[in-house]
């Protein structure tokens, strides 16, 4: 490794707030179904309606990455938020950069989910495509479908940035 190393830290709501929300079952729950269930509401602001967009609920099956991993691409969705929640309760990596800045080694942040936390990227936030760890993992994804271009990609292969977990 000759270039910058980006170290991922534990995911938490405060440090991830500039990029979106952490999705997890914490705080007050509403008892439902005669008390046999707890409902945790309003865990993320789903934002998909711009330019006639509609909610798309999907399952992604992600192959695990080996670490350290070279960051070669970042993407953003200017028309919508994008939420990921791990169904298989496996940890995963999150790499982000602010929506108003071009991703580069000096402004990337990295987080590691404990497998019981999901994330919701705010519209326009730069992020690395899904990085599963340890084994094949499935995620429930809430995304936008509809007209318009909603995925910008940026090639970072020339910056030689590597990610690892501390």
Protein backbone atom coordinates (compact mmCIF):
# COMPACT_ATOMS: atom_id res chain seq x y z
CA UNK A 1 0.00 0.00 0.00
CA UNK A 2 1.58 3.21 -1.14
CA UNK A 3 -1.31 5.66 -1.05
CA UNK A 4 -3.57 6.95 1.73
CA UNK A 5 -5.22 4.42 4.06
CA UNK A 6 -8.78 5.09 5.16
CA UNK A 7 -9.62 3.42 8.48
CA UNK A 8 -13.24 2.53 9.18
CA UNK A 9 -14.61 3.28 12.64
CA UNK A 10 -17.72 1.96 14.40
CA UNK A 11 -20.92 3.34 12.92
CA UNK A 12 -22.98 5.65 15.13
CA UNK A 13 -25.77 8.14 14.48
CA UNK A 14 -23.83 11.27 15.46
CA UNK A 15 -20.77 10.72 13.28
CA UNK A 16 -22.87 9.52 10.31
CA UNK A 17 -25.40 12.41 10.52
CA UNK A 18 -23.73 14.59 7.82
CA UNK A 19 -24.31 11.74 5.32
CA UNK A 20 -27.78 10.46 6.32
CA UNK A 21 -29.26 8.34 9.09
CA UNK A 22 -28.31 5.16 10.91
CA UNK A 23 -31.23 2.73 10.90
CA UNK A 24 -31.56 0.68 14.08
CA UNK A 25 -34.23 -0.37 16.56
CA UNK A 26 -33.47 1.98 19.44
CA UNK A 27 -35.45 4.46 21.48
CA UNK A 28 -39.13 4.31 22.29
CA UNK A 29 -41.14 1.57 20.63
CA UNK A 30 -44.87 1.42 20.11
CA UNK A 31 -46.41 -1.83 21.36
CA UNK A 32 -48.66 -3.36 18.67
CA UNK A 33 -50.46 -6.64 17.95
CA UNK A 34 -51.84 -6.97 21.48
CA UNK A 35 -48.36 -6.34 22.90
CA UNK A 36 -46.63 -9.17 21.01
CA UNK A 37 -44.59 -6.75 18.83
CA UNK A 38 -42.68 -3.53 19.21
CA UNK A 39 -42.80 -1.03 16.37
CA UNK A 40 -39.93 1.45 15.82
CA UNK A 41 -41.19 4.23 13.53
CA UNK A 42 -39.60 6.97 11.43
CA UNK A 43 -36.10 5.45 11.38
CA UNK A 44 -35.09 7.26 8.16
CA UNK A 45 -36.29 10.00 5.83
CA UNK A 46 -37.02 8.18 2.59
CA UNK A 47 -36.67 10.76 -0.19
CA UNK A 48 -37.52 9.36 -3.64
CA UNK A 49 -40.30 11.55 -5.08
CA UNK A 50 -38.25 14.03 -7.14
CA UNK A 51 -38.98 13.98 -10.87
CA UNK A 52 -41.83 11.46 -10.54
CA UNK A 53 -39.75 8.87 -8.69
CA UNK A 54 -41.35 6.02 -6.80
CA UNK A 55 -40.24 3.80 -3.94
CA UNK A 56 -38.47 0.62 -4.99
CA UNK A 57 -38.04 -2.08 -2.34
CA UNK A 58 -35.33 -4.59 -3.27
CA UNK A 59 -33.06 -7.25 -1.86
CA UNK A 60 -29.37 -7.06 -2.79
CA UNK A 61 -27.13 -10.12 -2.40
CA UNK A 62 -23.57 -8.86 -1.96
CA UNK A 63 -20.33 -10.80 -2.31
CA UNK A 64 -17.81 -10.15 0.47
CA UNK A 65 -14.75 -8.00 -0.12
CA UNK A 66 -11.29 -8.83 1.20
CA UNK A 67 -9.48 -6.21 3.27
CA UNK A 68 -7.56 -4.08 2.75
CA UNK A 69 -9.62 -2.92 -0.25
CA UNK A 70 -8.72 -0.29 -2.88
CA UNK A 71 -11.29 2.48 -3.33
CA UNK A 72 -11.68 2.82 -7.09
CA UNK A 73 -15.16 4.30 -7.50
CA UNK A 74 -17.69 6.42 -5.64
CA UNK A 75 -21.28 7.06 -6.63
CA UNK A 76 -24.17 9.31 -5.65
CA UNK A 77 -27.90 9.46 -6.26
CA UNK A 78 -28.87 13.11 -6.81
CA UNK A 79 -32.62 12.44 -7.01
CA UNK A 80 -33.11 10.31 -3.92
CA UNK A 81 -32.00 8.81 -0.67
CA UNK A 82 -30.89 5.17 -0.62
CA UNK A 83 -31.30 2.88 2.40
CA UNK A 84 -29.54 -0.43 3.17
CA UNK A 85 -30.41 -2.78 6.02
CA UNK A 86 -28.57 -6.10 6.50
CA UNK A 87 -31.03 -9.00 6.56
CA UNK A 88 -28.33 -11.55 7.40
CA UNK A 89 -27.06 -9.46 10.35
CA UNK A 90 -23.55 -9.32 8.91
CA UNK A 91 -21.28 -6.35 9.37
CA UNK A 92 -20.53 -4.19 6.34
CA UNK A 93 -18.40 -1.18 5.43
CA UNK A 94 -19.67 2.27 4.54
CA UNK A 95 -17.46 4.80 2.72
CA UNK A 96 -18.85 8.31 2.21
CA UNK A 97 -17.91 11.83 1.16
CA UNK A 98 -19.96 15.02 1.55
CA UNK A 99 -22.55 15.74 -1.14
CA UNK A 100 -21.08 19.17 -1.84
CA UNK A 101 -17.46 18.01 -2.34
CA UNK A 102 -15.68 15.89 -4.92
CA UNK A 103 -14.58 12.65 -3.20
CA UNK A 104 -10.83 12.52 -2.47
CA UNK A 105 -8.54 10.98 0.13
CA UNK A 106 -8.84 14.04 2.38
CA UNK A 107 -12.65 14.03 2.68
CA UNK A 108 -13.62 10.35 2.72
CA UNK A 109 -15.04 8.84 5.92
CA UNK A 110 -15.48 5.14 6.62
CA UNK A 111 -17.71 3.31 9.07
CA UNK A 112 -18.35 -0.32 9.93
CA UNK A 113 -21.87 -1.48 10.79
CA UNK A 114 -22.22 -4.09 13.51
CA UNK A 115 -24.75 -5.99 11.38
CA UNK A 116 -27.77 -4.77 13.35
CA UNK A 117 -27.48 -1.25 11.91
CA UNK A 118 -28.51 -0.08 8.48
CA UNK A 119 -27.92 3.26 6.83
CA UNK A 120 -29.86 5.72 4.71
CA UNK A 121 -27.71 7.89 2.45
CA UNK A 122 -29.16 11.39 2.01
CA UNK A 123 -29.78 12.45 -1.58
CA UNK A 124 -26.55 13.46 -3.30
CA UNK A 125 -24.15 11.97 -0.73
CA UNK A 126 -21.16 10.29 -2.35
CA UNK A 127 -20.70 6.67 -1.29
CA UNK A 128 -18.86 3.54 -2.28
CA UNK A 129 -20.98 0.70 -3.68
CA UNK A 130 -22.03 -1.85 -1.07
CA UNK A 131 -19.08 -3.49 0.74
CA UNK A 132 -20.13 -6.75 2.43
CA UNK A 133 -17.65 -8.39 4.79
CA UNK A 134 -17.01 -11.94 5.98
CA UNK A 135 -19.55 -13.80 3.80
CA UNK A 136 -22.28 -13.36 1.18
CA UNK A 137 -24.83 -10.99 2.73
CA UNK A 138 -28.34 -9.88 1.86
CA UNK A 139 -29.69 -6.37 2.34
CA UNK A 140 -33.14 -4.84 2.11
CA UNK A 141 -32.72 -1.74 -0.03
CA UNK A 142 -35.16 1.17 -0.31
CA UNK A 143 -34.31 3.06 -3.45
CA UNK A 144 -35.85 5.18 -6.22
CA UNK A 145 -37.11 4.01 -9.55
CA UNK A 146 -38.41 6.31 -12.23
CA UNK A 147 -37.37 8.74 -14.93
CA UNK A 148 -34.16 10.74 -14.86
CA UNK A 149 -30.52 9.96 -14.25
CA UNK A 150 -30.08 9.03 -10.59
CA UNK A 151 -26.58 7.60 -10.44
CA UNK A 152 -23.39 9.57 -10.94
CA UNK A 153 -20.08 7.68 -10.73
CA UNK A 154 -16.59 9.02 -10.12
CA UNK A 155 -13.40 7.07 -10.86
CA UNK A 156 -10.92 7.22 -7.96
CA UNK A 157 -8.56 4.48 -9.17
CA UNK A 158 -5.74 6.98 -9.72
CA UNK A 159 -5.76 8.11 -6.07
CA UNK A 160 -4.57 4.73 -4.68
CA UNK A 161 -6.79 4.92 -1.56
CA UNK A 162 -7.05 1.77 0.56
CA UNK A 163 -9.66 1.03 3.22
CA UNK A 164 -9.21 -1.09 6.31
CA UNK A 165 -10.93 -1.54 9.69
CA UNK A 166 -9.23 -0.31 12.86
